[in-house]
Protein backbone atom coordinates (compact mmCIF):
# COMPACT_ATOMS: atom_id res chain seq x y z
CA UNK A 1 108.47 92.85 108.06
CA UNK A 2 104.82 92.23 107.23
CA UNK A 3 104.39 94.05 103.91
CA UNK A 4 102.32 91.57 101.93
CA UNK A 5 99.23 93.36 100.69
CA UNK A 6 96.59 92.67 98.08
CA UNK A 7 93.96 89.95 98.10
CA UNK A 8 96.00 87.25 96.36
CA UNK A 9 99.15 87.63 98.45
CA UNK A 10 97.18 87.96 101.70
CA UNK A 11 95.27 84.76 100.96
CA UNK A 12 98.47 82.82 100.31
CA UNK A 13 100.14 84.27 103.40
CA UNK A 14 97.50 82.71 105.68
CA UNK A 15 99.14 79.83 107.47
CA UNK A 16 102.62 80.93 106.36
CA UNK A 17 105.60 81.85 108.51
CA UNK A 18 108.24 84.42 107.71
CA UNK A 19 111.59 82.79 106.93
CA UNK A 20 115.05 84.17 106.33
CA UNK A 21 116.00 84.38 102.65
CA UNK A 22 119.04 82.23 103.45
CA UNK A 23 116.64 79.39 104.38
CA UNK A 24 115.24 79.08 100.85
CA UNK A 25 115.90 75.76 99.10
CA UNK A 26 118.79 75.98 96.63
CA UNK A 27 116.60 75.95 93.50
CA UNK A 28 114.32 78.67 94.87
CA UNK A 29 117.30 80.77 96.01
CA UNK A 30 118.72 80.63 92.47
CA UNK A 31 115.34 81.76 91.08
CA UNK A 32 115.20 84.63 93.60
CA UNK A 33 118.69 85.78 92.51
CA UNK A 34 117.51 85.81 88.88
CA UNK A 35 114.41 87.80 89.86
CA UNK A 36 116.48 90.29 91.88
CA UNK A 37 118.38 91.21 88.72
CA UNK A 38 115.05 92.00 87.08
CA UNK A 39 112.89 93.39 89.92
CA UNK A 40 115.16 94.67 92.70
CA UNK A 41 116.17 93.38 96.11
CA UNK A 42 114.22 90.58 97.78
CA UNK A 43 113.45 91.60 101.35
CA UNK A 44 110.99 89.08 102.84
CA UNK A 45 110.10 85.42 102.34
CA UNK A 46 107.19 83.39 103.67
CA UNK A 47 106.80 79.61 103.71
CA UNK A 48 103.54 77.77 104.27
CA UNK A 49 100.99 75.35 102.92
CA UNK A 50 100.66 77.32 99.68
CA UNK A 51 104.39 77.31 98.93
CA UNK A 52 106.86 80.15 99.23
CA UNK A 53 106.16 83.85 98.74
CA UNK A 54 109.04 86.25 98.17
CA UNK A 55 108.64 90.02 98.28
CA UNK A 56 110.79 92.34 96.16
CA UNK A 57 111.29 96.07 96.50
CA UNK A 58 111.57 97.54 93.00
CA UNK A 59 114.33 99.99 92.21
CA UNK A 60 113.36 103.47 91.11
CA UNK A 61 109.83 104.15 89.90
CA UNK A 62 106.57 102.59 90.98
CA UNK A 63 105.62 99.26 89.47
CA UNK A 64 102.11 98.71 88.18
CA UNK A 65 102.75 96.56 85.15
CA UNK A 66 105.16 93.92 83.98
CA UNK A 67 106.59 93.85 80.46
CA UNK A 68 107.32 90.94 78.14
CA UNK A 69 110.87 90.49 79.46
CA UNK A 70 109.60 90.44 83.07
CA UNK A 71 107.15 87.70 82.14
CA UNK A 72 109.81 85.71 80.28
CA UNK A 73 111.99 85.79 83.40
CA UNK A 74 109.13 84.63 85.60
CA UNK A 75 108.01 81.88 83.23
CA UNK A 76 111.56 80.60 82.70
CA UNK A 77 111.52 78.71 86.01
CA UNK A 78 109.32 75.76 86.95
CA UNK A 79 109.02 77.11 90.52
CA UNK A 80 106.96 80.14 89.40
CA UNK A 81 103.28 80.04 90.45
CA UNK A 82 101.97 83.62 90.44
CA UNK A 83 102.98 87.29 90.63
CA UNK A 84 101.32 90.36 92.09
CA UNK A 85 102.72 93.81 91.29
CA UNK A 86 101.78 96.64 93.62
CA UNK A 87 102.98 100.25 93.58
CA UNK A 88 105.84 99.70 96.02
CA UNK A 89 106.56 95.96 95.88
CA UNK A 90 106.24 92.77 93.89
CA UNK A 91 105.10 89.48 95.44
CA UNK A 92 106.05 86.22 93.71
CA UNK A 93 104.59 82.85 94.65
CA UNK A 94 106.77 79.84 94.04
C-alpha cells in the first residue's frame, strides 16, 4: 500500500522497501504500539537507508495539527526522528 505522500516522507521513502509491521525490531514495535494508542492504527512500514517510516491512519476527523500531548508521546522515545501529519494519515520516521 503506497500511501506515503508529502515532500519529506517521499524523500525518505526513496531507497526504502515496504516491510510487514511484524518485522519491526522489538523497540520500534513497542513505540508503534504507543503511537497507535495516540494516532490510530499503523498500516504500513518502510525500511531503508534513512531508517524506518511507519504510516498511521487517524481515527475520526482529519489531522492537520498535533497537540502538546501528541508531541510529548513522540518525543518520549529515542527512536523518534520526524513526523508529518497529512489530512488522512500521519507518517513517523524512526
